[in-house]
Amino acid sequence: MVEKLDDILRRLERIDTRLATKDSILSKFFYIIEKLLIPVGLGALTLITHQASIRISEAQRDLAERQEIRQAAESIQNMDLKYVELFYKDITSKDSETQTMALSLLNLMKPDLGKSLATWVEQNPGFSESIRQRAKAIKRGIDRLGGLNNYRIKIYYPQWISGLSKEALDIKNGLIGYGFQGESIPIAGASREFYENVIPPQGFEIRYQPSYEEDVADALKKILTEIFPSKPFRLLPAYGQNTPNFISIFIPSNNP
């Protein structure tokens, strides 16, 4: 009887030992899993946080761009209102020189507005024949140049390379011959540092605000290609400072 009891006790001890061993293995297993999962979890959290910050940054940039577009549109509209006020004040003057100055304001307005006012003057018998003919010529110019009629087109060339100032002047003269006003086409010799900061042009480039100037940039490219068929002008969106009614032409430093 005693021997049987001892045998049962020994078996129970072996079972307890096995269970303790299993508990130890399970504990080690869960400990290892825990140590592995914590870095993975932290990594996943970091990745999610990073992606969220990128989305927030993109949304903020998109909002800023939309605000710039709205502000640019409001600025253009406000300028048009001022031009219309000045135009009406001067065109109703009895002095022909003042009336001529008033007509010059039409080139600064949005094309549709300038064309409408030019047509009104042209068809109004209350104005002299010379003023009516001048209005007709301005309307013809607006039709020819479209949205570029009230733009400043600045030509940049690398001033450290001789001969490229003449290249810029040739482009300006070509645009003047097409119908643009010379004072609306300034030329600027740019330093090497300036070219590096604005991304060096890889060819003859027309740089424009991508949000609202695609049409005028494309129109300018077509005009330049028509004037200079041997020069491959390309379009390049320009991000950064918002400058309404301004577009630029870059002459490359590697120009052959």
Protein backbone atom coordinates (compact mmCIF):
# COMPACT_ATOMS: atom_id res chain seq x y z
CA MET A 1 0.00 0.00 0.00
CA VAL A 2 2.77 2.39 0.97
CA GLU A 3 4.69 1.52 -2.16
CA LYS A 4 1.67 2.31 -4.35
CA LEU A 5 1.22 5.65 -2.61
CA ASP A 6 4.90 6.51 -3.15
CA ASP A 7 4.57 5.58 -6.80
CA ILE A 8 1.55 7.88 -7.24
CA LEU A 9 3.40 10.74 -5.54
CA ARG A 10 6.41 10.26 -7.84
CA ARG A 11 4.15 10.35 -10.89
CA LEU A 12 2.50 13.55 -9.65
CA GLU A 13 5.92 15.14 -9.17
CA ARG A 14 6.91 14.23 -12.75
CA ILE A 15 3.64 15.74 -14.05
CA ASP A 16 4.26 18.94 -12.03
CA THR A 17 7.79 19.10 -13.43
CA ARG A 18 6.53 18.72 -17.00
CA LEU A 19 3.86 21.36 -16.45
CA ALA A 20 6.41 23.73 -14.94
CA THR A 21 8.69 23.13 -17.92
CA LYS A 22 5.82 23.82 -20.33
CA ASP A 23 4.95 26.97 -18.38
CA SER A 24 8.57 28.06 -18.62
CA ILE A 25 8.67 27.47 -22.38
CA LEU A 26 5.39 29.31 -22.88
CA SER A 27 6.60 32.19 -20.76
CA LYS A 28 9.80 32.41 -22.78
CA PHE A 29 7.80 32.20 -26.02
CA PHE A 30 5.48 35.05 -25.02
CA TYR A 31 8.43 37.07 -23.72
CA ILE A 32 10.23 36.75 -27.05
CA ILE A 33 7.06 37.57 -29.00
CA GLU A 34 6.52 40.63 -26.80
CA LYS A 35 10.08 41.87 -27.40
CA LEU A 36 9.69 41.38 -31.15
CA LEU A 37 6.25 42.95 -31.41
CA ILE A 38 7.05 46.14 -29.51
CA PRO A 39 9.62 47.44 -32.09
CA VAL A 40 7.37 46.33 -34.94
CA GLY A 41 4.45 48.17 -33.40
CA LEU A 42 6.50 51.28 -32.79
CA GLY A 43 7.77 51.13 -36.38
CA ALA A 44 4.25 50.80 -37.72
CA LEU A 45 3.11 53.71 -35.54
CA THR A 46 6.00 55.84 -36.79
CA LEU A 47 5.17 54.98 -40.40
CA ILE A 48 1.49 55.82 -39.93
CA THR A 49 2.40 59.11 -38.22
CA HIS A 50 4.83 59.98 -41.03
CA GLN A 51 2.25 59.24 -43.72
CA ALA A 52 -0.33 61.31 -41.87
CA SER A 53 2.10 64.24 -41.61
CA ILE A 54 2.77 63.98 -45.38
CA ARG A 55 -0.97 64.09 -46.10
CA ILE A 56 -1.37 67.10 -43.81
CA SER A 57 1.56 68.84 -45.48
CA GLU A 58 0.12 68.14 -48.94
CA ALA A 59 -3.29 69.44 -47.86
CA GLN A 60 -1.71 72.59 -46.45
CA ARG A 61 0.26 73.14 -49.65
CA ASP A 62 -2.86 72.60 -51.76
CA LEU A 63 -4.77 75.08 -49.59
CA ALA A 64 -1.96 77.64 -49.92
CA GLU A 65 -1.92 77.23 -53.70
CA ARG A 66 -5.71 77.68 -53.86
CA GLN A 67 -5.44 80.82 -51.75
CA GLU A 68 -2.73 82.17 -54.07
CA ILE A 69 -4.94 81.53 -57.09
CA ARG A 70 -7.90 83.26 -55.42
CA GLN A 71 -5.75 86.21 -54.35
CA ALA A 72 -4.28 86.51 -57.85
CA ALA A 73 -7.75 86.48 -59.40
CA GLU A 74 -8.96 89.12 -56.93
CA SER A 75 -5.89 91.25 -57.63
CA ILE A 76 -6.49 91.12 -61.38
CA GLN A 77 -10.17 91.94 -60.91
CA ASN A 78 -9.37 94.90 -58.66
CA MET A 79 -6.84 96.22 -61.16
CA ASP A 80 -9.38 95.92 -63.97
CA LEU A 81 -11.88 97.97 -61.95
CA LYS A 82 -9.29 100.69 -61.43
CA TYR A 83 -8.39 100.66 -65.13
CA VAL A 84 -12.05 100.97 -66.10
CA GLU A 85 -12.49 103.95 -63.78
CA LEU A 86 -9.43 105.69 -65.25
CA PHE A 87 -10.49 104.77 -68.78
CA TYR A 88 -13.96 106.24 -68.40
CA LYS A 89 -12.60 109.40 -66.79
CA ASP A 90 -10.06 110.01 -69.59
CA ILE A 91 -12.03 108.79 -72.62
CA THR A 92 -14.85 111.24 -71.83
CA SER A 93 -12.35 114.09 -71.85
CA LYS A 94 -12.45 116.51 -74.76
CA ASP A 95 -8.65 116.36 -75.09
CA SER A 96 -7.47 113.94 -77.80
CA GLU A 97 -4.17 113.17 -76.06
CA THR A 98 -6.01 112.24 -72.87
CA GLN A 99 -8.35 110.04 -74.89
CA THR A 100 -5.38 108.33 -76.53
CA MET A 101 -3.88 107.64 -73.10
CA ALA A 102 -7.22 106.18 -72.05
CA LEU A 103 -7.14 103.77 -74.98
CA SER A 104 -3.67 102.57 -73.94
CA LEU A 105 -5.25 101.29 -70.71
CA LEU A 106 -7.20 98.74 -72.74
CA ASN A 107 -3.97 96.79 -73.27
CA LEU A 108 -3.65 96.36 -69.49
CA MET A 109 -7.10 94.89 -68.96
CA LYS A 110 -8.28 91.34 -69.44
CA PRO A 111 -8.66 90.69 -73.18
CA ASP A 112 -12.47 90.35 -73.22
CA LEU A 113 -12.94 93.55 -71.25
CA GLY A 114 -10.40 95.54 -73.27
CA LYS A 115 -11.85 94.32 -76.55
CA SER A 116 -15.41 95.24 -75.51
CA LEU A 117 -14.42 98.78 -74.55
CA ALA A 118 -12.35 99.19 -77.74
CA THR A 119 -15.39 98.12 -79.80
CA TRP A 120 -17.58 100.60 -77.92
CA VAL A 121 -15.20 103.47 -78.77
CA GLU A 122 -14.80 102.32 -82.38
CA GLN A 123 -18.56 102.26 -82.98
CA ASN A 124 -19.37 105.45 -81.07
CA PRO A 125 -19.84 108.40 -83.48
CA GLY A 126 -19.29 110.80 -80.61
CA PHE A 127 -15.51 110.23 -80.83
CA SER A 128 -13.27 111.63 -83.53
CA GLU A 129 -12.28 109.46 -86.48
CA SER A 130 -8.65 109.24 -85.31
CA ILE A 131 -9.69 108.01 -81.86
CA ARG A 132 -12.07 105.48 -83.38
CA GLN A 133 -9.33 104.18 -85.69
CA ARG A 134 -6.93 103.96 -82.75
CA ALA A 135 -9.51 101.89 -80.82
CA LYS A 136 -9.91 99.64 -83.86
CA ALA A 137 -6.14 99.05 -84.01
CA ILE A 138 -6.03 98.21 -80.30
CA LYS A 139 -8.90 95.75 -80.71
CA ARG A 140 -7.02 94.10 -83.59
CA GLY A 141 -3.95 93.80 -81.36
CA ILE A 142 -6.00 92.21 -78.58
CA ASP A 143 -7.42 89.69 -81.06
CA ARG A 144 -3.91 88.85 -82.24
CA LEU A 145 -2.22 88.50 -78.86
CA GLY A 146 -5.15 87.20 -76.82
CA GLY A 147 -4.46 86.83 -73.10
CA LEU A 148 -0.85 87.92 -73.55
CA ASN A 149 -1.94 91.41 -74.48
CA ASN A 150 -1.68 92.63 -70.87
CA TYR A 151 1.31 90.50 -69.83
CA ARG A 152 4.88 91.48 -69.02
CA ILE A 153 7.26 89.00 -70.64
CA LYS A 154 10.68 89.11 -69.01
CA ILE A 155 13.62 87.59 -70.86
CA TYR A 156 16.51 86.23 -68.75
CA TYR A 157 19.91 85.41 -70.18
CA PRO A 158 23.19 84.29 -68.50
CA GLN A 159 25.23 87.47 -68.33
CA TRP A 160 28.52 85.62 -67.79
CA ILE A 161 28.36 84.23 -71.32
CA SER A 162 29.13 86.68 -74.10
CA GLY A 163 26.78 86.94 -77.03
CA LEU A 164 23.62 85.85 -75.25
CA SER A 165 22.45 89.41 -74.61
CA LYS A 166 22.01 89.67 -78.38
CA GLU A 167 20.00 86.44 -78.31
CA ALA A 168 17.65 88.02 -75.75
CA LEU A 169 17.37 91.20 -77.83
CA ASP A 170 16.53 89.18 -80.94
CA ILE A 171 13.68 87.46 -79.09
CA LYS A 172 12.39 90.81 -77.82
CA ASN A 173 12.52 92.37 -81.30
CA GLY A 174 10.75 89.35 -82.74
CA LEU A 175 7.91 89.77 -80.23
CA ILE A 176 7.70 93.50 -80.92
CA GLY A 177 7.47 92.75 -84.62
CA TYR A 178 4.61 90.38 -83.86
CA GLY A 179 2.66 93.14 -82.11
CA PHE A 180 3.82 93.25 -78.50
CA GLN A 181 4.70 96.53 -76.81
CA GLY A 182 8.43 96.94 -76.25
CA GLU A 183 8.03 98.28 -72.71
CA SER A 184 6.24 95.08 -71.71
CA ILE A 185 9.30 92.97 -72.60
CA PRO A 186 12.17 93.76 -70.21
CA ILE A 187 15.52 92.00 -70.59
CA ALA A 188 17.58 90.94 -67.58
CA GLY A 189 21.15 89.68 -67.47
CA ALA A 190 21.22 87.09 -64.67
CA SER A 191 24.16 85.87 -62.62
CA ARG A 192 25.36 82.29 -62.42
CA GLU A 193 24.07 82.10 -58.84
CA PHE A 194 20.61 83.26 -59.94
CA TYR A 195 20.44 80.57 -62.63
CA GLU A 196 21.43 77.89 -60.14
CA ASN A 197 18.83 79.03 -57.60
CA VAL A 198 15.93 78.97 -60.08
CA ILE A 199 16.93 75.60 -61.58
CA PRO A 200 19.16 76.03 -64.65
CA PRO A 201 17.12 75.93 -67.87
CA GLN A 202 17.72 72.91 -70.07
CA GLY A 203 16.78 74.81 -73.22
CA PHE A 204 14.72 77.81 -74.24
CA GLU A 205 12.10 77.78 -71.52
CA ILE A 206 8.83 79.59 -70.89
CA ARG A 207 8.14 79.56 -67.15
CA TYR A 208 4.62 80.17 -65.88
CA GLN A 209 2.29 79.69 -62.92
CA PRO A 210 0.74 76.23 -63.45
CA SER A 211 -2.49 77.06 -61.63
CA TYR A 212 -3.90 79.59 -64.08
CA GLU A 213 -1.41 80.42 -66.84
CA GLU A 214 -1.36 77.26 -68.93
CA ASP A 215 -3.31 78.88 -71.77
CA VAL A 216 -1.21 82.04 -72.05
CA ALA A 217 2.01 80.02 -71.75
CA ASP A 218 0.90 77.73 -74.56
CA ALA A 219 -0.11 80.76 -76.67
CA LEU A 220 3.31 82.35 -76.12
CA LYS A 221 5.04 79.10 -77.08
CA LYS A 222 3.09 78.97 -80.35
CA ILE A 223 3.97 82.60 -81.13
CA LEU A 224 7.67 82.10 -80.39
CA THR A 225 7.75 78.90 -82.43
CA GLU A 226 6.15 80.79 -85.31
CA ILE A 227 8.72 83.60 -85.06
CA PHE A 228 11.73 81.36 -84.33
CA PRO A 229 11.04 77.92 -85.84
CA SER A 230 14.63 76.78 -85.20
CA LYS A 231 14.41 77.39 -81.43
CA PRO A 232 12.71 74.55 -79.51
CA PHE A 233 10.87 76.44 -76.76
CA ARG A 234 9.52 74.30 -73.92
CA LEU A 235 7.08 75.00 -71.08
CA LEU A 236 8.12 74.70 -67.44
CA PRO A 237 5.78 75.29 -64.46
CA ALA A 238 7.23 77.75 -61.94
CA TYR A 239 6.28 77.33 -58.29
CA GLY A 240 6.84 79.93 -55.61
CA GLN A 241 6.12 83.64 -55.64
CA ASN A 242 2.82 84.46 -57.31
CA THR A 243 3.19 87.22 -59.93
CA PRO A 244 -0.04 87.94 -61.85
CA ASN A 245 0.27 89.00 -65.50
CA PHE A 246 3.94 88.05 -65.60
CA ILE A 247 5.63 85.30 -67.55
CA SER A 248 9.31 84.67 -68.21
CA ILE A 249 11.56 83.34 -70.95
CA PHE A 250 14.89 81.75 -69.99
CA ILE A 251 17.82 81.45 -72.39
CA PRO A 252 19.98 78.45 -71.44
CA SER A 253 23.63 78.79 -70.45
CA ASN A 254 24.48 75.81 -72.68
CA ASN A 255 22.96 77.52 -75.71
CA PRO A 256 25.13 76.44 -78.71
